[in-house]
């Protein structure tokens, strides 16, 4: 079995174990209208914002490093700098979608196995899962491009990982402790879904538009920085 398969088996096993360990007390009596939010809320348990800003972010960054970082000196001989940045950005976004897809799949699968499907359809749980997946994938894509920005500036994977992890932790603390609106605020979906006002899809479409603009700006910035970067003396 290849190393790549083992990595993803570990991630799947980790998320499944974490889901069960964090939600065990909530599923003893089954899943109903009253505890469905407890299983999906962004303020506790498996989907807790603090986990996204710390442990999950670190796991994603380690996956990123292990899957696609190449020696810049080798790539620059064979590819244009703009093509190198595009290749690295696309890989970061691809891995964020894959990582968040596994995370979301575990949550949806576990709840679907333990709950009445009609309850999940009636409450709009599957729509919430889709919106949550898209929102979280955008967040991790931005983390990936932040990591890449630090990497282009330092050409050090360890320094870039530490700087991105610190940035992620600070942002989520600003959200949870200081009440500031950050990119982590955008992934709070189920709490809105199960509130009296329900899910505002237009709001999330505007968030996705904002995220696309930010990703585009990060990409353009990376291209500009890398074009001016002195590779030889790094």
Protein backbone atom coordinates (compact mmCIF):
# COMPACT_ATOMS: atom_id res chain seq x y z
CA UNK A 1 0.00 0.00 0.00
CA UNK A 2 1.45 3.39 -1.00
CA UNK A 3 2.35 6.13 1.45
CA UNK A 4 -0.38 8.43 0.03
CA UNK A 5 -3.10 5.87 0.73
CA UNK A 6 -1.83 5.43 4.28
CA UNK A 7 -2.02 9.19 4.88
CA UNK A 8 -5.65 9.38 3.82
CA UNK A 9 -6.56 6.23 5.75
CA UNK A 10 -5.07 7.90 8.82
CA UNK A 11 -7.07 11.11 8.22
CA UNK A 12 -10.32 9.16 7.74
CA UNK A 13 -9.65 7.08 10.88
CA UNK A 14 -8.72 10.20 12.87
CA UNK A 15 -11.90 12.06 11.92
CA UNK A 16 -14.10 9.00 12.57
CA UNK A 17 -12.52 8.41 16.00
CA UNK A 18 -12.81 12.09 16.89
CA UNK A 19 -16.46 12.25 15.80
CA UNK A 20 -17.36 9.26 17.98
CA UNK A 21 -15.34 10.41 20.99
CA UNK A 22 -16.74 13.96 20.92
CA UNK A 23 -20.35 13.00 20.18
CA UNK A 24 -20.75 9.78 22.14
CA UNK A 25 -22.81 11.38 24.92
CA UNK A 26 -25.13 13.00 22.36
CA UNK A 27 -25.98 9.82 20.48
CA UNK A 28 -26.79 7.54 23.43
CA UNK A 29 -30.50 8.27 23.14
CA UNK A 30 -30.49 8.56 19.34
CA UNK A 31 -30.59 11.64 17.15
CA UNK A 32 -33.62 13.92 17.14
CA UNK A 33 -34.61 17.57 16.61
CA UNK A 34 -33.16 18.51 19.99
CA UNK A 35 -29.63 17.15 19.67
CA UNK A 36 -29.02 17.45 15.92
CA UNK A 37 -27.54 20.93 16.36
CA UNK A 38 -25.34 19.66 19.22
CA UNK A 39 -23.74 17.23 16.75
CA UNK A 40 -23.02 19.93 14.15
CA UNK A 41 -22.61 23.22 15.99
CA UNK A 42 -19.50 25.32 15.34
CA UNK A 43 -19.15 26.13 19.05
CA UNK A 44 -18.44 22.65 20.41
CA UNK A 45 -17.71 19.09 19.39
CA UNK A 46 -16.50 17.76 16.05
CA UNK A 47 -17.14 20.96 14.08
CA UNK A 48 -15.78 23.31 16.78
CA UNK A 49 -14.17 26.45 15.32
CA UNK A 50 -11.20 26.12 17.68
CA UNK A 51 -10.45 22.67 16.25
CA UNK A 52 -10.57 24.10 12.72
CA UNK A 53 -8.18 26.88 13.69
CA UNK A 54 -5.68 24.61 15.46
CA UNK A 55 -5.66 20.80 15.16
CA UNK A 56 -7.46 20.53 11.81
CA UNK A 57 -5.43 23.40 10.33
CA UNK A 58 -2.20 21.71 11.44
CA UNK A 59 -3.29 18.38 9.96
CA UNK A 60 -4.14 20.06 6.65
CA UNK A 61 -0.80 21.87 6.55
CA UNK A 62 1.08 18.63 7.20
CA UNK A 63 -0.89 17.00 4.38
CA UNK A 64 0.00 19.94 2.16
CA UNK A 65 3.71 19.68 2.88
CA UNK A 66 3.80 15.91 2.43
CA UNK A 67 1.95 15.98 -0.88
CA UNK A 68 3.29 18.73 -3.01
CA UNK A 69 6.30 20.68 -1.97
CA UNK A 70 9.06 20.49 -4.51
CA UNK A 71 12.53 21.92 -4.68
CA UNK A 72 12.07 25.36 -6.20
CA UNK A 73 15.47 25.17 -7.86
CA UNK A 74 14.47 22.00 -9.73
CA UNK A 75 11.09 23.36 -10.83
CA UNK A 76 12.42 26.68 -12.04
CA UNK A 77 14.71 24.94 -14.53
CA UNK A 78 11.76 23.21 -16.20
CA UNK A 79 8.86 25.67 -15.74
CA UNK A 80 8.10 29.36 -15.89
CA UNK A 81 7.65 31.00 -12.50
CA UNK A 82 4.00 31.79 -13.20
CA UNK A 83 3.39 28.12 -14.04
CA UNK A 84 5.09 27.02 -10.81
CA UNK A 85 2.81 29.24 -8.73
CA UNK A 86 -0.28 28.05 -10.60
CA UNK A 87 0.73 24.42 -10.06
CA UNK A 88 1.29 24.94 -6.34
CA UNK A 89 -1.90 26.96 -5.82
CA UNK A 90 -4.06 24.43 -7.65
CA UNK A 91 -2.57 21.61 -5.57
CA UNK A 92 -3.24 23.51 -2.33
CA UNK A 93 -6.88 24.11 -3.35
CA UNK A 94 -7.30 20.48 -4.50
CA UNK A 95 -5.97 19.18 -1.17
CA UNK A 96 -8.24 21.56 0.78
CA UNK A 97 -11.28 20.23 -1.10
CA UNK A 98 -10.16 16.63 -0.48
CA UNK A 99 -9.41 17.26 3.21
CA UNK A 100 -12.69 19.09 3.88
CA UNK A 101 -14.55 16.48 1.81
CA UNK A 102 -13.31 13.73 4.12
CA UNK A 103 -14.17 15.81 7.20
CA UNK A 104 -17.70 16.50 5.90
CA UNK A 105 -18.24 12.94 4.69
CA UNK A 106 -17.52 11.55 8.16
CA UNK A 107 -20.01 13.93 9.78
CA UNK A 108 -22.75 13.29 7.21
CA UNK A 109 -22.20 9.52 7.17
CA UNK A 110 -22.21 9.14 10.95
CA UNK A 111 -25.32 11.25 11.43
CA UNK A 112 -27.10 9.55 8.51
CA UNK A 113 -26.41 6.12 10.01
CA UNK A 114 -27.73 7.11 13.43
CA UNK A 115 -30.65 9.39 12.53
CA UNK A 116 -33.92 9.03 10.68
CA UNK A 117 -33.24 10.17 7.09
CA UNK A 118 -36.65 11.85 6.93
CA UNK A 119 -35.63 14.01 9.91
CA UNK A 120 -32.44 15.07 8.12
CA UNK A 121 -34.33 15.94 4.94
CA UNK A 122 -37.03 17.80 6.85
CA UNK A 123 -34.51 19.91 8.76
CA UNK A 124 -32.43 20.68 5.66
CA UNK A 125 -29.38 18.96 7.15
CA UNK A 126 -27.99 17.87 3.77
CA UNK A 127 -28.27 21.39 2.37
CA UNK A 128 -26.44 22.62 5.47
CA UNK A 129 -23.74 19.99 4.88
CA UNK A 130 -23.23 21.22 1.32
CA UNK A 131 -23.02 24.88 2.35
CA UNK A 132 -20.70 23.97 5.24
CA UNK A 133 -18.46 21.97 2.89
CA UNK A 134 -18.13 24.86 0.42
CA UNK A 135 -17.52 27.44 3.15
CA UNK A 136 -14.90 25.30 4.89
CA UNK A 137 -13.17 24.38 1.62
CA UNK A 138 -12.75 28.09 0.85
CA UNK A 139 -11.30 28.64 4.32
CA UNK A 140 -8.71 25.88 3.97
CA UNK A 141 -7.87 27.02 0.44
CA UNK A 142 -7.01 30.42 1.88
CA UNK A 143 -4.91 28.77 4.59
CA UNK A 144 -3.09 26.89 1.85
CA UNK A 145 -2.36 30.07 -0.09
CA UNK A 146 -1.27 31.87 3.08
CA UNK A 147 1.13 28.99 3.68
CA UNK A 148 2.38 29.27 0.12
CA UNK A 149 2.92 33.03 0.56
CA UNK A 150 5.05 32.42 3.64
CA UNK A 151 6.88 29.66 1.76
CA UNK A 152 7.72 31.88 -1.20
CA UNK A 153 9.01 34.54 1.21
CA UNK A 154 11.12 32.15 3.34
CA UNK A 155 11.57 28.94 1.29
CA UNK A 156 11.26 27.10 4.60
CA UNK A 157 8.45 24.60 5.09
CA UNK A 158 8.87 24.60 8.89
CA UNK A 159 8.82 28.39 9.19
CA UNK A 160 5.83 28.60 6.83
CA UNK A 161 3.93 25.95 8.79
CA UNK A 162 4.58 27.74 12.10
CA UNK A 163 3.61 31.16 10.71
CA UNK A 164 0.41 29.84 9.10
CA UNK A 165 -0.53 27.92 12.24
CA UNK A 166 0.01 31.03 14.39
CA UNK A 167 -2.08 33.11 11.96
CA UNK A 168 -4.88 30.52 11.99
CA UNK A 169 -4.86 30.27 15.79
CA UNK A 170 -4.92 34.04 16.23
CA UNK A 171 -7.82 34.41 13.78
CA UNK A 172 -9.98 31.79 15.46
CA UNK A 173 -9.20 33.24 18.91
CA UNK A 174 -10.24 36.69 17.66
CA UNK A 175 -13.51 35.14 16.50
CA UNK A 176 -14.31 33.09 19.61
CA UNK A 177 -12.83 35.27 22.35
CA UNK A 178 -13.10 38.82 21.00
CA UNK A 179 -16.19 38.28 18.87
CA UNK A 180 -14.59 39.65 15.70
CA UNK A 181 -15.82 38.58 12.29
CA UNK A 182 -13.05 36.57 10.66
CA UNK A 183 -12.90 33.95 7.92
CA UNK A 184 -13.79 31.40 10.59
CA UNK A 185 -17.11 33.20 11.11
CA UNK A 186 -18.00 32.23 7.54
CA UNK A 187 -18.02 28.50 8.30
CA UNK A 188 -20.72 28.81 10.99
CA UNK A 189 -23.53 27.18 9.02
CA UNK A 190 -25.53 24.67 11.07
CA UNK A 191 -26.12 27.15 13.89
CA UNK A 192 -27.81 29.45 11.38
CA UNK A 193 -29.61 26.55 9.69
CA UNK A 194 -31.27 25.44 12.93
CA UNK A 195 -32.02 28.97 14.16
CA UNK A 196 -35.45 30.57 13.86
CA UNK A 197 -34.33 32.70 10.89
CA UNK A 198 -32.90 29.74 8.97
CA UNK A 199 -30.10 29.68 6.42
CA UNK A 200 -29.62 32.78 4.26
CA UNK A 201 -28.25 31.32 1.01
CA UNK A 202 -27.73 34.76 -0.54
CA UNK A 203 -25.41 35.63 2.35
CA UNK A 204 -23.27 32.57 1.63
CA UNK A 205 -23.19 33.25 -2.10
CA UNK A 206 -21.80 36.71 -1.29
CA UNK A 207 -19.28 35.10 1.08
CA UNK A 208 -18.14 32.76 -1.71
CA UNK A 209 -17.77 35.71 -4.07
CA UNK A 210 -15.65 37.48 -1.43
CA UNK A 211 -13.56 34.33 -0.94
CA UNK A 212 -12.97 33.98 -4.69
CA UNK A 213 -11.76 37.59 -4.85
CA UNK A 214 -9.41 37.01 -1.90
CA UNK A 215 -8.02 33.82 -3.48
CA UNK A 216 -7.52 35.65 -6.78
CA UNK A 217 -5.69 38.50 -5.00
CA UNK A 218 -3.50 36.03 -3.11
CA UNK A 219 -2.66 34.25 -6.37
CA UNK A 220 -1.77 37.51 -8.15
CA UNK A 221 0.32 38.57 -5.16
CA UNK A 222 2.17 35.26 -5.20
CA UNK A 223 2.93 35.60 -8.90
CA UNK A 224 4.30 39.13 -8.39
CA UNK A 225 6.39 38.16 -5.34
CA UNK A 226 7.81 35.03 -6.97
CA UNK A 227 8.73 36.83 -10.19
CA UNK A 228 10.87 39.25 -8.15
CA UNK A 229 12.27 36.62 -5.79
CA UNK A 230 15.99 35.88 -5.90
CA UNK A 231 16.13 32.09 -5.85
CA UNK A 232 19.90 31.73 -5.96
CA UNK A 233 20.63 33.57 -2.73
CA UNK A 234 17.83 32.06 -0.65
